Every structure is written in structure tokens, then in C-alpha cells.
C-alpha atoms as a PDB file:
ATOM      1  CA  UNK A   1       9.743   8.387 -34.802  1.00  0.00           C
ATOM      2  CA  UNK A   2      12.966   6.478 -34.282  1.00  0.00           C
ATOM      3  CA  UNK A   3      13.676   3.331 -36.315  1.00  0.00           C
ATOM      4  CA  UNK A   4      16.555   0.936 -36.654  1.00  0.00           C
ATOM      5  CA  UNK A   5      16.392  -2.071 -39.007  1.00  0.00           C
ATOM      6  CA  UNK A   6      19.119  -4.631 -39.392  1.00  0.00           C
ATOM      7  CA  UNK A   7      19.262  -7.249 -42.143  1.00  0.00           C
ATOM      8  CA  UNK A   8      22.338  -9.504 -42.519  1.00  0.00           C
ATOM      9  CA  UNK A   9      25.262  -7.097 -42.609  1.00  0.00           C
ATOM     10  CA  UNK A  10      23.300  -3.919 -43.435  1.00  0.00           C
ATOM     11  CA  UNK A  11      21.444  -1.339 -41.255  1.00  0.00           C
ATOM     12  CA  UNK A  12      18.813   1.287 -41.942  1.00  0.00           C
ATOM     13  CA  UNK A  13      18.108   4.241 -39.618  1.00  0.00           C
ATOM     14  CA  UNK A  14      15.166   6.624 -39.840  1.00  0.00           C
ATOM     15  CA  UNK A  15      14.500   9.471 -37.489  1.00  0.00           C
ATOM     16  CA  UNK A  16      11.814  12.180 -37.315  1.00  0.00           C
ATOM     17  CA  UNK A  17      11.626  14.589 -34.358  1.00  0.00           C
ATOM     18  CA  UNK A  18      13.207  14.414 -30.992  1.00  0.00           C
ATOM     19  CA  UNK A  19      14.947  11.528 -29.154  1.00  0.00           C
ATOM     20  CA  UNK A  20      18.455  10.155 -29.933  1.00  0.00           C
ATOM     21  CA  UNK A  21      19.794   7.280 -31.927  1.00  0.00           C
ATOM     22  CA  UNK A  22      23.226   6.011 -31.076  1.00  0.00           C
ATOM     23  CA  UNK A  23      25.468   3.022 -31.686  1.00  0.00           C
ATOM     24  CA  UNK A  24      28.559   1.286 -30.252  1.00  0.00           C
ATOM     25  CA  UNK A  25      31.227   0.993 -32.934  1.00  0.00           C
ATOM     26  CA  UNK A  26      34.187  -1.109 -31.599  1.00  0.00           C
ATOM     27  CA  UNK A  27      34.530   0.425 -28.141  1.00  0.00           C
ATOM     28  CA  UNK A  28      33.212   3.885 -28.904  1.00  0.00           C
ATOM     29  CA  UNK A  29      29.631   5.227 -28.404  1.00  0.00           C
ATOM     30  CA  UNK A  30      28.628   7.348 -31.289  1.00  0.00           C
ATOM     31  CA  UNK A  31      25.598   9.443 -32.274  1.00  0.00           C
ATOM     32  CA  UNK A  32      23.820   8.375 -35.476  1.00  0.00           C
ATOM     33  CA  UNK A  33      21.006  10.926 -35.310  1.00  0.00           C
ATOM     34  CA  UNK A  34      20.605  13.922 -32.918  1.00  0.00           C
ATOM     35  CA  UNK A  35      17.343  15.121 -31.574  1.00  0.00           C
ATOM     36  CA  UNK A  36      15.409  17.702 -33.571  1.00  0.00           C
ATOM     37  CA  UNK A  37      13.980  20.068 -30.967  1.00  0.00           C
ATOM     38  CA  UNK A  38      12.549  23.536 -31.272  1.00  0.00           C
ATOM     39  CA  UNK A  39      13.223  26.571 -29.110  1.00  0.00           C
ATOM     40  CA  UNK A  40      10.892  25.334 -26.336  1.00  0.00           C
ATOM     41  CA  UNK A  41      10.466  22.015 -24.438  1.00  0.00           C
ATOM     42  CA  UNK A  42       8.299  19.546 -26.286  1.00  0.00           C
ATOM     43  CA  UNK A  43       8.728  21.422 -29.479  1.00  0.00           C
ATOM     44  CA  UNK A  44       9.749  19.176 -32.338  1.00  0.00           C
ATOM     45  CA  UNK A  45       8.577  17.866 -35.687  1.00  0.00           C
ATOM     46  CA  UNK A  46       5.668  15.533 -35.070  1.00  0.00           C
ATOM     47  CA  UNK A  47       5.099  12.517 -37.233  1.00  0.00           C
ATOM     48  CA  UNK A  48       1.563  13.791 -38.030  1.00  0.00           C
ATOM     49  CA  UNK A  49       2.698  17.167 -39.242  1.00  0.00           C
ATOM     50  CA  UNK A  50       2.763  18.127 -42.917  1.00  0.00           C
ATOM     51  CA  UNK A  51       6.573  18.823 -42.626  1.00  0.00           C
ATOM     52  CA  UNK A  52       7.460  15.417 -41.149  1.00  0.00           C
ATOM     53  CA  UNK A  53       8.610  13.865 -44.467  1.00  0.00           C
ATOM     54  CA  UNK A  54      10.906  16.934 -45.106  1.00  0.00           C
ATOM     55  CA  UNK A  55      12.655  16.666 -41.802  1.00  0.00           C
ATOM     56  CA  UNK A  56      13.166  12.859 -41.955  1.00  0.00           C
ATOM     57  CA  UNK A  57      16.730  11.720 -41.628  1.00  0.00           C
ATOM     58  CA  UNK A  58      17.587   8.392 -43.271  1.00  0.00           C
ATOM     59  CA  UNK A  59      20.924   6.605 -43.008  1.00  0.00           C
ATOM     60  CA  UNK A  60      22.091   3.177 -44.243  1.00  0.00           C
ATOM     61  CA  UNK A  61      25.367   1.361 -43.993  1.00  0.00           C
ATOM     62  CA  UNK A  62      27.181  -1.920 -43.197  1.00  0.00           C
ATOM     63  CA  UNK A  63      27.286  -3.240 -39.657  1.00  0.00           C
ATOM     64  CA  UNK A  64      31.056  -4.034 -39.710  1.00  0.00           C
ATOM     65  CA  UNK A  65      32.230  -3.494 -36.081  1.00  0.00           C
ATOM     66  CA  UNK A  66      28.952  -2.099 -34.755  1.00  0.00           C
ATOM     67  CA  UNK A  67      28.105  -4.072 -31.647  1.00  0.00           C
ATOM     68  CA  UNK A  68      24.845  -2.354 -30.802  1.00  0.00           C
ATOM     69  CA  UNK A  69      22.289   0.368 -31.471  1.00  0.00           C
ATOM     70  CA  UNK A  70      20.177   2.334 -28.992  1.00  0.00           C
ATOM     71  CA  UNK A  71      17.135   4.516 -29.543  1.00  0.00           C
ATOM     72  CA  UNK A  72      15.649   6.616 -26.822  1.00  0.00           C
ATOM     73  CA  UNK A  73      12.853   9.104 -26.363  1.00  0.00           C
ATOM     74  CA  UNK A  74      13.480  12.656 -25.155  1.00  0.00           C
ATOM     75  CA  UNK A  75      12.606  11.778 -21.528  1.00  0.00           C
ATOM     76  CA  UNK A  76      15.266   9.064 -21.455  1.00  0.00           C
ATOM     77  CA  UNK A  77      17.637  11.307 -23.322  1.00  0.00           C
ATOM     78  CA  UNK A  78      17.638  13.706 -20.317  1.00  0.00           C
ATOM     79  CA  UNK A  79      19.454  11.001 -18.308  1.00  0.00           C
ATOM     80  CA  UNK A  80      21.433   9.086 -20.922  1.00  0.00           C
ATOM     81  CA  UNK A  81      22.565  11.840 -23.384  1.00  0.00           C
ATOM     82  CA  UNK A  82      24.648  14.892 -22.635  1.00  0.00           C
ATOM     83  CA  UNK A  83      23.340  17.741 -24.806  1.00  0.00           C
ATOM     84  CA  UNK A  84      26.350  20.070 -24.245  1.00  0.00           C
ATOM     85  CA  UNK A  85      28.890  17.497 -25.398  1.00  0.00           C
ATOM     86  CA  UNK A  86      26.512  15.581 -27.762  1.00  0.00           C
ATOM     87  CA  UNK A  87      27.588  12.354 -26.145  1.00  0.00           C
ATOM     88  CA  UNK A  88      25.859   9.264 -24.933  1.00  0.00           C
ATOM     89  CA  UNK A  89      26.300   8.203 -21.302  1.00  0.00           C
ATOM     90  CA  UNK A  90      28.721   5.304 -20.727  1.00  0.00           C
ATOM     91  CA  UNK A  91      25.894   3.497 -18.886  1.00  0.00           C
ATOM     92  CA  UNK A  92      24.503   2.595 -22.354  1.00  0.00           C
ATOM     93  CA  UNK A  93      27.484   0.229 -22.858  1.00  0.00           C
ATOM     94  CA  UNK A  94      26.484  -1.506 -19.602  1.00  0.00           C
ATOM     95  CA  UNK A  95      22.876  -1.803 -20.840  1.00  0.00           C
ATOM     96  CA  UNK A  96      24.134  -3.264 -24.185  1.00  0.00           C
ATOM     97  CA  UNK A  97      26.338  -5.734 -22.262  1.00  0.00           C
ATOM     98  CA  UNK A  98      23.362  -6.913 -20.189  1.00  0.00           C
ATOM     99  CA  UNK A  99      21.361  -7.298 -23.430  1.00  0.00           C
ATOM    100  CA  UNK A 100      23.954  -9.817 -24.526  1.00  0.00           C
ATOM    101  CA  UNK A 101      23.846 -11.771 -21.247  1.00  0.00           C
ATOM    102  CA  UNK A 102      20.440 -11.663 -19.564  1.00  0.00           C
ATOM    103  CA  UNK A 103      17.224 -13.220 -20.845  1.00  0.00           C
ATOM    104  CA  UNK A 104      14.636 -10.741 -22.016  1.00  0.00           C
ATOM    105  CA  UNK A 105      12.326 -11.137 -19.007  1.00  0.00           C
ATOM    106  CA  UNK A 106      15.115 -10.547 -16.483  1.00  0.00           C
ATOM    107  CA  UNK A 107      16.460  -7.549 -18.508  1.00  0.00           C
ATOM    108  CA  UNK A 108      12.990  -6.035 -18.744  1.00  0.00           C
ATOM    109  CA  UNK A 109      12.509  -6.315 -15.004  1.00  0.00           C
ATOM    110  CA  UNK A 110      15.842  -4.526 -14.368  1.00  0.00           C
ATOM    111  CA  UNK A 111      15.063  -1.848 -16.924  1.00  0.00           C
ATOM    112  CA  UNK A 112      11.645  -1.174 -15.442  1.00  0.00           C
ATOM    113  CA  UNK A 113      13.249  -0.941 -11.968  1.00  0.00           C
ATOM    114  CA  UNK A 114      15.963   1.549 -13.159  1.00  0.00           C
ATOM    115  CA  UNK A 115      13.507   3.591 -15.200  1.00  0.00           C
ATOM    116  CA  UNK A 116      10.953   3.930 -12.375  1.00  0.00           C
ATOM    117  CA  UNK A 117      13.486   4.707  -9.654  1.00  0.00           C
ATOM    118  CA  UNK A 118      15.997   6.868 -11.552  1.00  0.00           C
ATOM    119  CA  UNK A 119      15.290   7.839 -15.184  1.00  0.00           C
ATOM    120  CA  UNK A 120      11.586   8.847 -14.828  1.00  0.00           C
ATOM    121  CA  UNK A 121      12.418  10.978 -11.783  1.00  0.00           C
ATOM    122  CA  UNK A 122      14.640  13.232 -13.956  1.00  0.00           C
ATOM    123  CA  UNK A 123      11.916  14.243 -16.393  1.00  0.00           C
ATOM    124  CA  UNK A 124       8.238  15.036 -16.916  1.00  0.00           C
ATOM    125  CA  UNK A 125       8.404  13.508 -20.424  1.00  0.00           C
ATOM    126  CA  UNK A 126       7.991  10.044 -21.785  1.00  0.00           C
ATOM    127  CA  UNK A 127      10.764   7.515 -21.118  1.00  0.00           C
ATOM    128  CA  UNK A 128      11.454   4.778 -23.511  1.00  0.00           C
ATOM    129  CA  UNK A 129      14.459   2.944 -24.824  1.00  0.00           C
ATOM    130  CA  UNK A 130      15.203   0.127 -27.293  1.00  0.00           C
ATOM    131  CA  UNK A 131      18.556  -1.642 -27.463  1.00  0.00           C
ATOM    132  CA  UNK A 132      19.802  -3.991 -30.147  1.00  0.00           C
ATOM    133  CA  UNK A 133      23.158  -5.547 -29.345  1.00  0.00           C
ATOM    134  CA  UNK A 134      25.306  -8.572 -30.158  1.00  0.00           C
ATOM    135  CA  UNK A 135      28.312 -10.027 -28.304  1.00  0.00           C
ATOM    136  CA  UNK A 136      31.313  -8.788 -30.346  1.00  0.00           C
ATOM    137  CA  UNK A 137      34.146  -6.525 -29.418  1.00  0.00           C
ATOM    138  CA  UNK A 138      33.737  -5.173 -25.919  1.00  0.00           C
ATOM    139  CA  UNK A 139      30.294  -6.701 -25.624  1.00  0.00           C
ATOM    140  CA  UNK A 140      30.792 -10.274 -24.520  1.00  0.00           C
ATOM    141  CA  UNK A 141      28.672 -13.261 -23.707  1.00  0.00           C
ATOM    142  CA  UNK A 142      28.393 -14.659 -20.216  1.00  0.00           C
ATOM    143  CA  UNK A 143      31.266 -17.233 -20.672  1.00  0.00           C
ATOM    144  CA  UNK A 144      33.660 -14.503 -21.780  1.00  0.00           C
ATOM    145  CA  UNK A 145      33.147 -12.265 -18.683  1.00  0.00           C
ATOM    146  CA  UNK A 146      35.798 -11.990 -15.951  1.00  0.00           C
ATOM    147  CA  UNK A 147      35.065 -13.342 -12.508  1.00  0.00           C
ATOM    148  CA  UNK A 148      34.530  -9.809 -11.228  1.00  0.00           C
ATOM    149  CA  UNK A 149      32.024  -9.020 -13.996  1.00  0.00           C
ATOM    150  CA  UNK A 150      30.194 -12.306 -13.229  1.00  0.00           C
ATOM    151  CA  UNK A 151      30.001 -11.243  -9.550  1.00  0.00           C
ATOM    152  CA  UNK A 152      28.490  -7.945 -10.532  1.00  0.00           C
ATOM    153  CA  UNK A 153      25.866  -9.587 -12.871  1.00  0.00           C
ATOM    154  CA  UNK A 154      25.036 -12.318 -10.322  1.00  0.00           C
ATOM    155  CA  UNK A 155      25.023  -9.800  -7.456  1.00  0.00           C
ATOM    156  CA  UNK A 156      27.706 -11.647  -5.547  1.00  0.00           C
ATOM    157  CA  UNK A 157      30.352 -10.107  -3.265  1.00  0.00           C
ATOM    158  CA  UNK A 158      33.723 -10.759  -4.940  1.00  0.00           C
ATOM    159  CA  UNK A 159      35.432 -10.940  -1.540  1.00  0.00           C
ATOM    160  CA  UNK A 160      33.167 -13.662  -0.335  1.00  0.00           C
ATOM    161  CA  UNK A 161      34.823 -17.097  -0.135  1.00  0.00           C
ATOM    162  CA  UNK A 162      31.599 -18.606  -1.485  1.00  0.00           C
ATOM    163  CA  UNK A 163      31.542 -16.387  -4.568  1.00  0.00           C
ATOM    164  CA  UNK A 164      33.832 -18.525  -6.685  1.00  0.00           C
ATOM    165  CA  UNK A 165      31.950 -21.654  -5.709  1.00  0.00           C
ATOM    166  CA  UNK A 166      28.631 -20.018  -6.655  1.00  0.00           C
ATOM    167  CA  UNK A 167      30.014 -18.744  -9.968  1.00  0.00           C
ATOM    168  CA  UNK A 168      31.198 -22.269 -10.791  1.00  0.00           C
ATOM    169  CA  UNK A 169      27.725 -23.628  -9.910  1.00  0.00           C
ATOM    170  CA  UNK A 170      26.088 -20.984 -12.202  1.00  0.00           C
ATOM    171  CA  UNK A 171      28.585 -21.722 -14.893  1.00  0.00           C
ATOM    172  CA  UNK A 172      27.720 -25.479 -14.832  1.00  0.00           C
ATOM    173  CA  UNK A 173      24.011 -24.628 -15.002  1.00  0.00           C
ATOM    174  CA  UNK A 174      24.504 -22.260 -17.937  1.00  0.00           C
ATOM    175  CA  UNK A 175      26.658 -24.785 -19.779  1.00  0.00           C
ATOM    176  CA  UNK A 176      23.968 -27.413 -19.236  1.00  0.00           C
ATOM    177  CA  UNK A 177      21.287 -25.095 -20.614  1.00  0.00           C
ATOM    178  CA  UNK A 178      23.262 -23.923 -23.578  1.00  0.00           C
ATOM    179  CA  UNK A 179      22.058 -25.521 -26.797  1.00  0.00           C
ATOM    180  CA  UNK A 180      24.481 -28.045 -28.260  1.00  0.00           C
ATOM    181  CA  UNK A 181      26.717 -26.805 -31.047  1.00  0.00           C
ATOM    182  CA  UNK A 182      26.913 -29.056 -34.036  1.00  0.00           C
ATOM    183  CA  UNK A 183      29.885 -29.107 -36.295  1.00  0.00           C
END
């Protein structure tokens, strides 16, 4: 069981068993809670076991410069977490960045595609991920991206003479769709 709860400027993390919980603090990916695995594959503390409450890890703190959290099951962990160095893959920052830019339906389609074609092929285990991110620090909203980053998101060739024209067209549409800001 992996849980992250955020309320105003506070967070709460709870973890029982395998999987990984991480976060992006300023520009650095950090581990909040490591997986609890046994000696063999699929050996962990299960939520239904009598010992679950005794192995529960609970953390709380202030958000401060934390831009995002990620929780992942052990199947996803095999692709996005390096056990030997106890480090999260840098690809998680890109996933968090996309969370700040794309609408949930588009993001879900992209995640399903990546998980079915890449992540799931690296494991026989369950593959799940949850990302909670906000556009601060190195995570930025669409309007704050560079032209090259916008080309990547919009799947445009940056060398194409039409790329800038298309980006400006998308910028105008997005500005039109943005809700008005009242002062």
C-alpha cells in the first residue's frame, strides 16, 4: 500500500510493502520510502498480513520546494528505479513535467502507450504509477517552456520552417482557452 496525501502546505506518506515512493525536491529526485522486499521475488509484507501495521512507514512534512510525488508498484519499479544505486530514473521528471502540461485524458493515453510497449515488457509483475505534480521550480507550465520543449511536446520537428508558425498557432489557442485571471 502506497499513499500520498497533500493538504495546503503539508504532506503525509504511508507505505506498507513493496513499490517505491519518491519526490522531486527543487531539481533533485529523492526517495521517500524504499520497497520492503523479502529474499525472493514477490516476497513482501502484504496489507492483509498480521504484521502489516508493524512494518508501516509513516512520514509527514511541509511541501516547501517539493514539485511532485510519484508512487509506483514493484513492476514499474523495475524500469523506473535503480535498486543498486537506490535512485529514481530521470524519466520521472519528464512524466511530472507532462503532468503539469497535458490534460489528464491525453496524459493517460500516453502513459498507457508507454506502459504497454515498454514498462510491462520488463516485468511479469503488476505495473502501476501515480504522479502528483505542480508547476514550480524545474516543472513549468506550457507557457514557460522553451520553443524546443514545445516542439517535443507537440511532436513538431524543430528544424521545420513551419514549426514556429504551428507553435504560435497552438499558443494562441491555449491562450484563448485559458480561464481569465481576475485581479
